[in-house]
Amino acid sequence: MSEKKRVCMICGKPSEVSICDSCKAQIQGEAIDKKQKIEREVRIGPEMEKEKKKKG
């Protein structure tokens, strides 16, 4: 019987774990970028409302 090869679920390269370290790092980086973008939008939104009220 041949042993089943283990590969990364993302890139398909040989790996002992289900997601290799490079793919894991890339996914985490993308998640952090998205989180930071959302946090910036949340901070900008209330500031814009304050400016609208001052003008109005």
Protein backbone atom coordinates (compact mmCIF):
# COMPACT_ATOMS: atom_id res chain seq x y z
CA MET A 1 0.00 0.00 0.00
CA SER A 2 1.24 3.46 -0.81
CA GLU A 3 1.09 6.21 1.78
CA LYS A 4 -1.21 9.15 0.96
CA LYS A 5 0.71 12.35 0.18
CA ARG A 6 -0.16 15.30 2.38
CA VAL A 7 -0.51 18.65 0.66
CA CYS A 8 -1.58 22.19 1.54
CA MET A 9 -5.30 22.71 0.93
CA ILE A 10 -4.63 26.17 -0.52
CA CYS A 11 -1.63 25.83 -2.86
CA GLY A 12 -1.33 22.05 -3.22
CA LYS A 13 2.37 21.94 -2.34
CA PRO A 14 3.61 19.13 -0.09
CA SER A 15 2.99 19.98 3.56
CA GLU A 16 2.73 18.13 6.86
CA VAL A 17 -0.14 20.39 7.94
CA SER A 18 -3.41 21.16 6.20
CA ILE A 19 -2.39 24.77 5.38
CA CYS A 20 1.32 25.51 4.84
CA ASP A 21 3.02 28.38 6.68
CA SER A 22 3.31 30.65 3.64
CA CYS A 23 -0.39 30.32 2.77
CA LYS A 24 -1.34 30.77 6.41
CA ALA A 25 0.70 33.98 6.62
CA GLN A 26 -0.85 35.33 3.41
CA ILE A 27 -4.39 34.61 4.61
CA GLN A 28 -3.72 36.23 7.98
CA GLY A 29 -2.22 39.29 6.28
CA GLU A 30 -5.26 39.70 4.06
CA ALA A 31 -7.55 39.42 7.08
CA ILE A 32 -5.57 42.08 8.98
CA ASP A 33 -5.68 44.44 5.98
CA LYS A 34 -9.44 44.02 5.68
CA LYS A 35 -9.92 44.58 9.42
CA GLN A 36 -7.83 47.76 9.35
CA LYS A 37 -9.77 49.08 6.34
CA ILE A 38 -13.07 48.50 8.12
CA GLU A 39 -11.78 50.19 11.28
CA ARG A 40 -10.66 53.23 9.25
CA GLU A 41 -14.08 53.47 7.61
CA VAL A 42 -15.80 53.30 10.98
CA ARG A 43 -13.64 56.15 12.32
CA ILE A 44 -14.12 58.28 9.20
CA GLY A 45 -17.91 57.83 9.13
CA PRO A 46 -18.70 59.59 12.45
CA GLU A 47 -16.24 62.39 11.64
CA MET A 48 -18.05 63.08 8.35
CA GLU A 49 -21.39 63.25 10.18
CA LYS A 50 -19.98 65.82 12.61
CA GLU A 51 -18.79 68.00 9.72
CA LYS A 52 -22.19 67.78 8.01
CA LYS A 53 -23.94 68.93 11.19
CA LYS A 54 -21.57 71.89 11.57
CA LYS A 55 -22.25 73.03 7.98
CA GLY A 56 -26.00 72.52 8.21
